[in-house]
Amino acid sequence: MTETREDSRPRVPPNQVVTQKFPVMTAGTPATAGIEEWTLALDGDVESPVTLDWAAFNSLPQQDFTADIHCVTRWSKLDTRWRGVSLQVLADLVRPKTGSDYVQARADGNYTANLRLRDLVSDKAFVATGFDGKPLTLDHGGPARLVVPDLYFWKSAKWLRGLHFSPFDYKGYWEKLGYHNYGDPWLEQRYRG
């Protein structure tokens, strides 16, 4: 594992520390659904809203993803290995309407994260059900979590239950409490102001 890319650009954003561990961090400990009860609602300003159960979600094309992840608390973990469904596949399924430029990720425990649609499509983000060759554990957001590697990890909602497409940028849980609205680790966008 190297901390630079082939083109010599760094892989670790400013003021981050690489860890081999995978710290468990969460806002509260919500009651979460097992695979028997789990559903994912894809709704809002879309042509074909749908709610997928576990079997329907897992019938969608699956991919393996390798990504570096960066937490606002200043740790980075490189070369994490995931399995899941690309957000592009989900967007293609529901077809967001023109002008529906934002997505609110909704998770168990009333957790939300606001995102721009353009940061999710073209295989930039995915809904993960596996990590490191095994099913995603509950403490890391299983049975399914959002993973958005280009943004601080608070945007990667654990225990994902819905993606709401909208022309409006509804603030998420941490954004309402003063975190930066966008969360680019390369610009150290940790907090507002």
N, C-alpha and C. Protein backbone atom coordinates (compact mmCIF):
# COMPACT_ATOMS: atom_id res chain seq x y z
N MET A 1 0.85 -1.18 0.00
CA MET A 1 0.00 0.00 0.00
C MET A 1 0.89 1.24 0.00
N THR A 2 0.67 2.07 -0.97
CA THR A 2 1.43 3.31 -1.07
C THR A 2 0.51 4.49 -0.84
N GLU A 3 1.06 5.56 -0.31
CA GLU A 3 0.24 6.74 -0.02
C GLU A 3 0.28 7.76 -1.16
N THR A 4 0.84 7.34 -2.31
CA THR A 4 0.80 8.19 -3.50
C THR A 4 0.25 7.38 -4.66
N ARG A 5 -0.35 8.07 -5.61
CA ARG A 5 -0.86 7.43 -6.82
C ARG A 5 0.27 7.27 -7.82
N GLU A 6 -0.01 6.57 -8.90
CA GLU A 6 1.00 6.38 -9.95
C GLU A 6 1.48 7.70 -10.52
N ASP A 7 0.61 8.72 -10.53
CA ASP A 7 0.99 10.03 -11.07
C ASP A 7 1.62 10.93 -9.99
N SER A 8 1.97 10.35 -8.85
CA SER A 8 2.65 11.01 -7.73
C SER A 8 1.75 11.92 -6.89
N ARG A 9 0.45 11.98 -7.22
CA ARG A 9 -0.46 12.74 -6.36
C ARG A 9 -0.70 11.95 -5.07
N PRO A 10 -0.89 12.62 -3.96
CA PRO A 10 -1.13 11.90 -2.71
C PRO A 10 -2.50 11.24 -2.68
N ARG A 11 -2.60 10.17 -1.91
CA ARG A 11 -3.89 9.50 -1.70
C ARG A 11 -4.52 9.91 -0.38
N VAL A 12 -3.74 10.57 0.46
CA VAL A 12 -4.23 10.93 1.79
C VAL A 12 -4.42 12.45 1.85
N PRO A 13 -5.64 12.90 2.13
CA PRO A 13 -5.90 14.34 2.20
C PRO A 13 -5.11 15.01 3.32
N PRO A 14 -5.01 16.35 3.29
CA PRO A 14 -4.27 17.07 4.32
C PRO A 14 -4.78 16.77 5.73
N ASN A 15 -3.84 16.64 6.65
CA ASN A 15 -4.13 16.46 8.08
C ASN A 15 -4.90 15.19 8.42
N GLN A 16 -4.77 14.17 7.57
CA GLN A 16 -5.35 12.86 7.85
C GLN A 16 -4.23 11.91 8.24
N VAL A 17 -4.57 10.87 9.02
CA VAL A 17 -3.62 9.84 9.44
C VAL A 17 -4.14 8.49 8.96
N VAL A 18 -3.29 7.73 8.30
CA VAL A 18 -3.68 6.42 7.78
C VAL A 18 -3.76 5.43 8.93
N THR A 19 -4.83 4.63 8.94
CA THR A 19 -5.00 3.58 9.93
C THR A 19 -5.21 2.25 9.22
N GLN A 20 -4.78 1.17 9.85
CA GLN A 20 -5.06 -0.17 9.36
C GLN A 20 -6.38 -0.67 9.94
N LYS A 21 -6.81 -0.06 11.05
CA LYS A 21 -8.06 -0.43 11.69
C LYS A 21 -9.22 0.17 10.91
N PHE A 22 -10.43 -0.25 11.26
CA PHE A 22 -11.64 0.34 10.69
C PHE A 22 -12.47 0.81 11.88
N PRO A 23 -12.21 2.05 12.34
CA PRO A 23 -12.91 2.55 13.51
C PRO A 23 -14.43 2.51 13.33
N VAL A 24 -15.13 2.21 14.41
CA VAL A 24 -16.59 2.20 14.40
C VAL A 24 -17.06 3.50 15.03
N MET A 25 -17.73 4.31 14.23
CA MET A 25 -18.23 5.60 14.70
C MET A 25 -19.67 5.73 14.22
N THR A 26 -20.53 6.24 15.09
CA THR A 26 -21.93 6.39 14.72
C THR A 26 -22.60 7.45 15.57
N ALA A 27 -23.66 8.00 15.04
CA ALA A 27 -24.49 8.94 15.80
C ALA A 27 -25.63 8.13 16.40
N GLY A 28 -25.45 7.66 17.63
CA GLY A 28 -26.47 6.85 18.28
C GLY A 28 -26.38 5.39 17.86
N THR A 29 -27.22 4.58 18.45
CA THR A 29 -27.28 3.16 18.12
C THR A 29 -28.73 2.80 17.83
N PRO A 30 -29.17 3.01 16.61
CA PRO A 30 -30.58 2.77 16.28
C PRO A 30 -30.91 1.29 16.20
N ALA A 31 -32.20 1.00 16.34
CA ALA A 31 -32.68 -0.34 16.02
C ALA A 31 -32.57 -0.47 14.51
N THR A 32 -31.99 -1.55 14.06
CA THR A 32 -31.75 -1.72 12.62
C THR A 32 -32.48 -2.97 12.12
N ALA A 33 -32.74 -2.97 10.84
CA ALA A 33 -33.46 -4.09 10.22
C ALA A 33 -32.51 -5.19 9.80
N GLY A 34 -32.93 -6.43 9.99
CA GLY A 34 -32.22 -7.55 9.42
C GLY A 34 -32.64 -7.72 7.97
N ILE A 35 -32.03 -8.65 7.27
CA ILE A 35 -32.32 -8.78 5.84
C ILE A 35 -33.77 -9.19 5.57
N GLU A 36 -34.43 -9.82 6.53
CA GLU A 36 -35.83 -10.21 6.33
C GLU A 36 -36.75 -8.99 6.28
N GLU A 37 -36.44 -7.95 7.05
CA GLU A 37 -37.28 -6.75 7.11
C GLU A 37 -36.75 -5.59 6.29
N TRP A 38 -35.51 -5.68 5.85
CA TRP A 38 -34.85 -4.55 5.20
C TRP A 38 -35.50 -4.22 3.87
N THR A 39 -35.68 -2.92 3.61
CA THR A 39 -36.11 -2.44 2.31
C THR A 39 -35.31 -1.17 2.00
N LEU A 40 -35.24 -0.83 0.73
CA LEU A 40 -34.60 0.40 0.29
C LEU A 40 -35.59 1.14 -0.60
N ALA A 41 -36.04 2.31 -0.15
CA ALA A 41 -36.97 3.13 -0.92
C ALA A 41 -36.17 4.08 -1.81
N LEU A 42 -36.45 4.08 -3.08
CA LEU A 42 -35.86 5.00 -4.05
C LEU A 42 -37.02 5.86 -4.55
N ASP A 43 -37.09 7.10 -4.05
CA ASP A 43 -38.29 7.88 -4.32
C ASP A 43 -37.97 9.36 -4.51
N GLY A 44 -39.00 10.17 -4.49
CA GLY A 44 -38.84 11.60 -4.69
C GLY A 44 -39.18 11.99 -6.11
N ASP A 45 -38.41 12.89 -6.66
CA ASP A 45 -38.66 13.45 -7.98
C ASP A 45 -38.04 12.54 -9.05
N VAL A 46 -38.67 11.36 -9.22
CA VAL A 46 -38.17 10.34 -10.15
C VAL A 46 -39.33 9.84 -11.01
N GLU A 47 -38.99 9.25 -12.15
CA GLU A 47 -40.01 8.72 -13.06
C GLU A 47 -40.66 7.44 -12.52
N SER A 48 -39.87 6.58 -11.86
CA SER A 48 -40.36 5.27 -11.44
C SER A 48 -39.92 4.94 -10.02
N PRO A 49 -40.57 5.52 -9.00
CA PRO A 49 -40.18 5.20 -7.63
C PRO A 49 -40.37 3.71 -7.34
N VAL A 50 -39.52 3.19 -6.49
CA VAL A 50 -39.59 1.77 -6.18
C VAL A 50 -39.07 1.55 -4.76
N THR A 51 -39.59 0.52 -4.12
CA THR A 51 -39.04 0.05 -2.85
C THR A 51 -38.58 -1.38 -3.06
N LEU A 52 -37.30 -1.60 -2.83
CA LEU A 52 -36.68 -2.91 -3.05
C LEU A 52 -36.54 -3.66 -1.73
N ASP A 53 -36.92 -4.93 -1.73
CA ASP A 53 -36.60 -5.76 -0.57
C ASP A 53 -35.20 -6.35 -0.79
N TRP A 54 -34.73 -7.14 0.16
CA TRP A 54 -33.37 -7.67 0.10
C TRP A 54 -33.13 -8.49 -1.17
N ALA A 55 -34.08 -9.34 -1.52
CA ALA A 55 -33.92 -10.19 -2.71
C ALA A 55 -33.88 -9.34 -3.97
N ALA A 56 -34.78 -8.37 -4.08
CA ALA A 56 -34.82 -7.52 -5.28
C ALA A 56 -33.55 -6.69 -5.39
N PHE A 57 -33.08 -6.17 -4.27
CA PHE A 57 -31.84 -5.39 -4.31
C PHE A 57 -30.67 -6.25 -4.77
N ASN A 58 -30.58 -7.45 -4.23
CA ASN A 58 -29.47 -8.33 -4.57
C ASN A 58 -29.58 -8.96 -5.95
N SER A 59 -30.73 -8.79 -6.60
CA SER A 59 -30.85 -9.26 -7.99
C SER A 59 -30.29 -8.23 -8.98
N LEU A 60 -30.01 -7.01 -8.49
CA LEU A 60 -29.41 -5.97 -9.33
C LEU A 60 -27.94 -6.30 -9.57
N PRO A 61 -27.35 -5.76 -10.65
CA PRO A 61 -25.93 -6.04 -10.92
C PRO A 61 -25.03 -5.63 -9.75
N GLN A 62 -24.22 -6.56 -9.28
CA GLN A 62 -23.29 -6.34 -8.19
C GLN A 62 -21.89 -6.07 -8.75
N GLN A 63 -21.13 -5.27 -8.03
CA GLN A 63 -19.75 -4.97 -8.43
C GLN A 63 -18.86 -5.03 -7.20
N ASP A 64 -17.56 -5.20 -7.46
CA ASP A 64 -16.55 -5.05 -6.42
C ASP A 64 -15.96 -3.66 -6.57
N PHE A 65 -15.75 -2.99 -5.45
CA PHE A 65 -15.20 -1.64 -5.42
C PHE A 65 -14.02 -1.61 -4.47
N THR A 66 -12.96 -0.92 -4.84
CA THR A 66 -11.84 -0.65 -3.94
C THR A 66 -11.74 0.85 -3.81
N ALA A 67 -11.73 1.35 -2.57
CA ALA A 67 -11.76 2.79 -2.36
C ALA A 67 -10.99 3.18 -1.11
N ASP A 68 -10.43 4.37 -1.14
CA ASP A 68 -9.86 4.99 0.06
C ASP A 68 -10.98 5.77 0.72
N ILE A 69 -11.07 5.68 2.05
CA ILE A 69 -12.11 6.40 2.78
C ILE A 69 -11.46 7.31 3.81
N HIS A 70 -12.13 8.44 4.07
CA HIS A 70 -11.56 9.47 4.93
C HIS A 70 -12.62 9.99 5.90
N CYS A 71 -12.34 9.91 7.18
CA CYS A 71 -13.27 10.35 8.21
C CYS A 71 -12.95 11.78 8.63
N VAL A 72 -13.98 12.52 8.96
CA VAL A 72 -13.82 13.90 9.42
C VAL A 72 -13.00 13.96 10.71
N THR A 73 -12.94 12.85 11.46
CA THR A 73 -12.16 12.82 12.69
C THR A 73 -10.68 12.59 12.43
N ARG A 74 -10.28 12.65 11.17
CA ARG A 74 -8.90 12.68 10.71
C ARG A 74 -8.23 11.33 10.47
N TRP A 75 -9.01 10.24 10.38
CA TRP A 75 -8.39 8.98 9.97
C TRP A 75 -8.76 8.69 8.52
N SER A 76 -7.84 8.00 7.85
CA SER A 76 -8.05 7.52 6.49
C SER A 76 -7.71 6.04 6.45
N LYS A 77 -8.47 5.29 5.69
CA LYS A 77 -8.19 3.87 5.49
C LYS A 77 -8.11 3.66 3.98
N LEU A 78 -6.97 3.13 3.55
CA LEU A 78 -6.71 2.98 2.12
C LEU A 78 -7.07 1.57 1.64
N ASP A 79 -7.43 1.50 0.37
CA ASP A 79 -7.69 0.22 -0.31
C ASP A 79 -8.76 -0.63 0.38
N THR A 80 -9.84 0.01 0.83
CA THR A 80 -10.94 -0.77 1.40
C THR A 80 -11.65 -1.50 0.26
N ARG A 81 -12.08 -2.72 0.53
CA ARG A 81 -12.69 -3.56 -0.50
C ARG A 81 -14.16 -3.81 -0.15
N TRP A 82 -15.03 -3.47 -1.09
CA TRP A 82 -16.47 -3.54 -0.88
C TRP A 82 -17.13 -4.34 -2.01
N ARG A 83 -18.34 -4.77 -1.75
CA ARG A 83 -19.20 -5.34 -2.80
C ARG A 83 -20.57 -4.71 -2.64
N GLY A 84 -21.18 -4.34 -3.79
CA GLY A 84 -22.49 -3.73 -3.71
C GLY A 84 -23.00 -3.33 -5.07
N VAL A 85 -23.95 -2.40 -5.04
CA VAL A 85 -24.63 -1.94 -6.25
C VAL A 85 -24.28 -0.47 -6.46
N SER A 86 -23.84 -0.16 -7.65
CA SER A 86 -23.49 1.22 -8.01
C SER A 86 -24.71 2.12 -7.93
N LEU A 87 -24.51 3.36 -7.50
CA LEU A 87 -25.60 4.33 -7.50
C LEU A 87 -26.07 4.62 -8.91
N GLN A 88 -25.20 4.44 -9.90
CA GLN A 88 -25.63 4.63 -11.28
C GLN A 88 -26.73 3.63 -11.63
N VAL A 89 -26.59 2.38 -11.19
CA VAL A 89 -27.61 1.36 -11.44
C VAL A 89 -28.94 1.77 -10.81
N LEU A 90 -28.88 2.27 -9.57
CA LEU A 90 -30.11 2.68 -8.88
C LEU A 90 -30.75 3.90 -9.54
N ALA A 91 -29.92 4.86 -9.94
CA ALA A 91 -30.45 6.04 -10.63
C ALA A 91 -31.08 5.65 -11.96
N ASP A 92 -30.45 4.74 -12.69
CA ASP A 92 -31.02 4.28 -13.96
C ASP A 92 -32.35 3.58 -13.75
N LEU A 93 -32.49 2.90 -12.63
CA LEU A 93 -33.72 2.18 -12.31
C LEU A 93 -34.90 3.13 -12.11
N VAL A 94 -34.67 4.22 -11.38
CA VAL A 94 -35.79 5.13 -11.05
C VAL A 94 -35.87 6.36 -11.96
N ARG A 95 -34.79 6.69 -12.67
CA ARG A 95 -34.73 7.80 -13.61
C ARG A 95 -35.11 9.14 -12.97
N PRO A 96 -34.19 9.77 -12.25
CA PRO A 96 -34.46 11.09 -11.67
C PRO A 96 -34.89 12.08 -12.76
N LYS A 97 -35.86 12.92 -12.41
CA LYS A 97 -36.35 13.92 -13.36
C LYS A 97 -35.33 15.04 -13.51
N THR A 98 -35.40 15.75 -14.62
CA THR A 98 -34.53 16.88 -14.88
C THR A 98 -34.65 17.88 -13.72
N GLY A 99 -33.53 18.33 -13.23
CA GLY A 99 -33.51 19.28 -12.11
C GLY A 99 -33.46 18.62 -10.75
N SER A 100 -33.58 17.30 -10.72
CA SER A 100 -33.48 16.58 -9.44
C SER A 100 -32.00 16.34 -9.17
N ASP A 101 -31.33 17.38 -8.68
CA ASP A 101 -29.87 17.39 -8.58
C ASP A 101 -29.33 16.93 -7.23
N TYR A 102 -30.21 16.63 -6.28
CA TYR A 102 -29.78 16.28 -4.92
C TYR A 102 -30.40 14.96 -4.49
N VAL A 103 -29.71 14.33 -3.55
CA VAL A 103 -30.19 13.07 -2.98
C VAL A 103 -30.05 13.17 -1.47
N GLN A 104 -31.09 12.81 -0.77
CA GLN A 104 -30.99 12.69 0.68
C GLN A 104 -30.97 11.21 1.01
N ALA A 105 -29.85 10.76 1.59
CA ALA A 105 -29.75 9.39 2.06
C ALA A 105 -30.47 9.31 3.40
N ARG A 106 -31.33 8.31 3.54
CA ARG A 106 -32.11 8.13 4.77
C ARG A 106 -31.77 6.78 5.37
N ALA A 107 -31.55 6.79 6.68
CA ALA A 107 -31.08 5.57 7.34
C ALA A 107 -31.84 5.34 8.63
N ASP A 108 -31.72 4.12 9.14
CA ASP A 108 -32.31 3.82 10.45
C ASP A 108 -31.80 4.81 11.48
N GLY A 109 -32.61 5.08 12.49
CA GLY A 109 -32.24 6.02 13.54
C GLY A 109 -32.48 7.47 13.14
N ASN A 110 -33.28 7.69 12.08
CA ASN A 110 -33.56 9.05 11.58
C ASN A 110 -32.31 9.78 11.13
N TYR A 111 -31.29 9.05 10.73
CA TYR A 111 -30.07 9.67 10.21
C TYR A 111 -30.27 10.02 8.75
N THR A 112 -29.78 11.17 8.34
CA THR A 112 -29.82 11.58 6.95
C THR A 112 -28.48 12.19 6.55
N ALA A 113 -28.19 12.14 5.26
CA ALA A 113 -27.02 12.81 4.70
C ALA A 113 -27.43 13.40 3.37
N ASN A 114 -27.05 14.65 3.13
CA ASN A 114 -27.39 15.29 1.85
C ASN A 114 -26.21 15.23 0.90
N LEU A 115 -26.53 14.97 -0.36
CA LEU A 115 -25.51 14.76 -1.39
C LEU A 115 -25.97 15.35 -2.71
N ARG A 116 -25.00 15.62 -3.57
CA ARG A 116 -25.32 16.03 -4.94
C ARG A 116 -25.35 14.78 -5.81
N LEU A 117 -26.35 14.69 -6.67
CA LEU A 117 -26.48 13.52 -7.53
C LEU A 117 -25.23 13.31 -8.36
N ARG A 118 -24.62 14.37 -8.84
CA ARG A 118 -23.44 14.22 -9.71
C ARG A 118 -22.25 13.60 -8.98
N ASP A 119 -22.26 13.63 -7.64
CA ASP A 119 -21.19 12.99 -6.87
C ASP A 119 -21.44 11.50 -6.62
N LEU A 120 -22.61 11.02 -7.07
CA LEU A 120 -22.98 9.64 -6.81
C LEU A 120 -22.95 8.76 -8.06
N VAL A 121 -23.24 9.34 -9.21
CA VAL A 121 -23.36 8.54 -10.44
C VAL A 121 -22.00 8.31 -11.09
N SER A 122 -22.00 7.59 -12.19
CA SER A 122 -20.77 7.21 -12.92
C SER A 122 -19.83 6.39 -12.04
N ASP A 123 -20.40 5.49 -11.24
CA ASP A 123 -19.66 4.59 -10.36
C ASP A 123 -18.81 5.32 -9.32
N LYS A 124 -19.22 6.54 -8.94
CA LYS A 124 -18.51 7.28 -7.89
C LYS A 124 -18.95 6.83 -6.50
N ALA A 125 -20.14 6.23 -6.39
CA ALA A 125 -20.67 5.82 -5.08
C ALA A 125 -21.47 4.54 -5.27
N PHE A 126 -21.72 3.85 -4.16
CA PHE A 126 -22.41 2.57 -4.22
C PHE A 126 -23.07 2.26 -2.89
N VAL A 127 -24.03 1.34 -2.94
CA VAL A 127 -24.64 0.80 -1.73
C VAL A 127 -23.95 -0.53 -1.48
N ALA A 128 -23.22 -0.60 -0.39
CA ALA A 128 -22.43 -1.79 -0.07
C ALA A 128 -23.20 -2.75 0.82
N THR A 129 -23.07 -4.04 0.49
CA THR A 129 -23.61 -5.10 1.34
C THR A 129 -22.50 -6.04 1.81
N GLY A 130 -21.29 -5.81 1.28
CA GLY A 130 -20.16 -6.64 1.67
C GLY A 130 -18.93 -5.80 1.89
N PHE A 131 -18.07 -6.26 2.81
CA PHE A 131 -16.81 -5.60 3.08
C PHE A 131 -15.74 -6.65 3.30
N ASP A 132 -14.63 -6.53 2.59
CA ASP A 132 -13.47 -7.41 2.76
C ASP A 132 -13.84 -8.88 2.57
N GLY A 133 -14.70 -9.14 1.59
CA GLY A 133 -15.06 -10.51 1.25
C GLY A 133 -16.12 -11.15 2.12
N LYS A 134 -16.73 -10.39 3.03
CA LYS A 134 -17.75 -10.93 3.93
C LYS A 134 -18.96 -10.01 3.93
N PRO A 135 -20.12 -10.51 4.39
CA PRO A 135 -21.27 -9.62 4.51
C PRO A 135 -20.94 -8.45 5.44
N LEU A 136 -21.47 -7.29 5.12
CA LEU A 136 -21.23 -6.09 5.91
C LEU A 136 -21.79 -6.29 7.32
N THR A 137 -20.96 -6.07 8.33
CA THR A 137 -21.40 -6.27 9.71
C THR A 137 -22.28 -5.11 10.17
N LEU A 138 -23.07 -5.39 11.19
CA LEU A 138 -23.99 -4.41 11.73
C LEU A 138 -23.27 -3.15 12.22
N ASP A 139 -22.13 -3.32 12.89
CA ASP A 139 -21.43 -2.15 13.42
C ASP A 139 -20.88 -1.23 12.33
N HIS A 140 -20.71 -1.75 11.12
CA HIS A 140 -20.26 -0.92 10.00
C HIS A 140 -21.39 -0.57 9.04
N GLY A 141 -22.64 -0.77 9.49
CA GLY A 141 -23.78 -0.31 8.72
C GLY A 141 -24.58 -1.38 8.01
N GLY A 142 -24.28 -2.65 8.29
CA GLY A 142 -25.01 -3.72 7.64
C GLY A 142 -26.47 -3.75 8.06
N PRO A 143 -27.33 -4.25 7.22
CA PRO A 143 -26.98 -5.04 6.06
C PRO A 143 -26.53 -4.24 4.83
N ALA A 144 -26.83 -2.93 4.78
CA ALA A 144 -26.44 -2.15 3.61
C ALA A 144 -26.14 -0.71 4.01
N ARG A 145 -25.09 -0.16 3.45
CA ARG A 145 -24.73 1.23 3.71
C ARG A 145 -24.33 1.92 2.41
N LEU A 146 -24.45 3.22 2.41
CA LEU A 146 -23.98 4.03 1.31
C LEU A 146 -22.47 4.23 1.47
N VAL A 147 -21.74 4.24 0.37
CA VAL A 147 -20.31 4.55 0.40
C VAL A 147 -20.05 5.59 -0.69
N VAL A 148 -19.57 6.76 -0.26
CA VAL A 148 -19.24 7.87 -1.16
C VAL A 148 -17.78 8.24 -0.91
N PRO A 149 -16.84 7.55 -1.57
CA PRO A 149 -15.42 7.71 -1.25
C PRO A 149 -14.86 9.12 -1.44
N ASP A 150 -15.44 9.93 -2.32
CA ASP A 150 -14.88 11.25 -2.59
C ASP A 150 -15.19 12.28 -1.51
N LEU A 151 -16.06 11.93 -0.56
CA LEU A 151 -16.45 12.87 0.50
C LEU A 151 -16.11 12.27 1.86
N TYR A 152 -16.08 13.14 2.88
CA TYR A 152 -15.87 12.63 4.23
C TYR A 152 -16.89 11.54 4.52
N PHE A 153 -16.50 10.61 5.35
CA PHE A 153 -17.26 9.37 5.53
C PHE A 153 -18.60 9.56 6.23
N TRP A 154 -18.86 10.72 6.86
CA TRP A 154 -20.19 10.91 7.47
C TRP A 154 -21.26 10.96 6.39
N LYS A 155 -20.87 11.25 5.15
CA LYS A 155 -21.83 11.27 4.04
C LYS A 155 -22.22 9.86 3.62
N SER A 156 -21.47 8.85 4.05
CA SER A 156 -21.72 7.45 3.69
C SER A 156 -22.60 6.80 4.74
N ALA A 157 -23.88 7.08 4.65
CA ALA A 157 -24.85 6.69 5.68
C ALA A 157 -24.87 5.18 5.93
N LYS A 158 -24.71 4.83 7.21
CA LYS A 158 -24.85 3.44 7.65
C LYS A 158 -26.34 3.09 7.73
N TRP A 159 -26.65 1.79 7.67
CA TRP A 159 -28.01 1.27 7.83
C TRP A 159 -28.99 1.96 6.87
N LEU A 160 -28.56 2.07 5.62
CA LEU A 160 -29.32 2.80 4.60
C LEU A 160 -30.69 2.19 4.36
N ARG A 161 -31.71 3.07 4.28
CA ARG A 161 -33.08 2.60 4.02
C ARG A 161 -33.76 3.37 2.90
N GLY A 162 -33.14 4.46 2.43
CA GLY A 162 -33.78 5.19 1.35
C GLY A 162 -32.87 6.21 0.70
N LEU A 163 -33.16 6.48 -0.56
CA LEU A 163 -32.51 7.55 -1.31
C LEU A 163 -33.63 8.40 -1.91
N HIS A 164 -33.72 9.63 -1.46
CA HIS A 164 -34.78 10.55 -1.88
C HIS A 164 -34.19 11.57 -2.84
N PHE A 165 -34.61 11.52 -4.09
CA PHE A 165 -34.11 12.40 -5.15
C PHE A 165 -34.96 13.67 -5.16
N SER A 166 -34.29 14.84 -5.29
CA SER A 166 -35.02 16.09 -5.15
C SER A 166 -34.31 17.24 -5.85
N PRO A 167 -35.06 18.29 -6.22
CA PRO A 167 -34.40 19.51 -6.69
C PRO A 167 -33.88 20.36 -5.53
N PHE A 168 -34.16 19.93 -4.30
CA PHE A 168 -33.79 20.71 -3.12
C PHE A 168 -32.70 20.00 -2.31
N ASP A 169 -31.81 20.78 -1.74
CA ASP A 169 -30.70 20.27 -0.94
C ASP A 169 -31.12 20.25 0.53
N TYR A 170 -31.83 19.19 0.93
CA TYR A 170 -32.26 19.06 2.32
C TYR A 170 -31.05 18.71 3.18
N LYS A 171 -30.78 19.52 4.19
CA LYS A 171 -29.63 19.29 5.06
C LYS A 171 -29.76 17.95 5.79
N GLY A 172 -28.61 17.32 5.99
CA GLY A 172 -28.57 16.06 6.70
C GLY A 172 -28.34 16.25 8.19
N TYR A 173 -28.24 15.14 8.89
CA TYR A 173 -28.09 15.13 10.35
C TYR A 173 -26.92 16.01 10.81
N TRP A 174 -25.72 15.74 10.30
CA TRP A 174 -24.54 16.47 10.75
C TRP A 174 -24.48 17.89 10.19
N GLU A 175 -25.03 18.08 9.01
CA GLU A 175 -25.03 19.42 8.42
C GLU A 175 -25.89 20.37 9.25
N LYS A 176 -26.98 19.87 9.80
CA LYS A 176 -27.84 20.69 10.67
C LYS A 176 -27.11 21.07 11.97
N LEU A 177 -26.11 20.27 12.34
CA LEU A 177 -25.36 20.52 13.58
C LEU A 177 -24.06 21.28 13.34
N GLY A 178 -23.85 21.78 12.12
CA GLY A 178 -22.70 22.64 11.86
C GLY A 178 -21.60 22.06 11.00
N TYR A 179 -21.75 20.80 10.55
CA TYR A 179 -20.76 20.26 9.63
C TYR A 179 -20.91 20.93 8.27
N HIS A 180 -19.84 20.89 7.49
CA HIS A 180 -19.85 21.49 6.16
C HIS A 180 -20.93 20.85 5.29
N ASN A 181 -21.55 21.62 4.45
CA ASN A 181 -22.62 21.10 3.61
C ASN A 181 -22.12 20.09 2.58
N TYR A 182 -20.88 20.25 2.11
CA TYR A 182 -20.38 19.37 1.06
C TYR A 182 -19.44 18.29 1.59
N GLY A 183 -18.39 18.65 2.32
CA GLY A 183 -17.53 17.66 2.96
C GLY A 183 -16.42 17.08 2.11
N ASP A 184 -15.73 17.92 1.34
CA ASP A 184 -14.60 17.47 0.53
C ASP A 184 -13.36 17.33 1.41
N PRO A 185 -12.82 16.10 1.56
CA PRO A 185 -11.64 15.93 2.43
C PRO A 185 -10.39 16.62 1.90
N TRP A 186 -10.29 16.80 0.59
CA TRP A 186 -9.11 17.45 0.01
C TRP A 186 -9.09 18.94 0.30
N LEU A 187 -10.26 19.51 0.54
CA LEU A 187 -10.36 20.93 0.90
C LEU A 187 -10.57 21.11 2.41
N GLU A 188 -10.52 20.01 3.15
CA GLU A 188 -10.74 20.00 4.61
C GLU A 188 -12.04 20.70 4.98
N GLN A 189 -13.09 20.37 4.25
CA GLN A 189 -14.41 20.95 4.51
C GLN A 189 -15.10 20.17 5.63
N ARG A 190 -14.60 20.41 6.84
CA ARG A 190 -15.14 19.70 8.00
C ARG A 190 -16.37 20.40 8.57
N TYR A 191 -16.28 21.70 8.76
CA TYR A 191 -17.35 22.42 9.43
C TYR A 191 -17.69 23.67 8.62
N ARG A 192 -18.90 24.20 8.86
CA ARG A 192 -19.29 25.45 8.21
C ARG A 192 -18.43 26.58 8.73
N GLY A 193 -18.15 27.56 7.86
CA GLY A 193 -17.51 28.80 8.30
C GLY A 193 -16.10 28.71 8.61
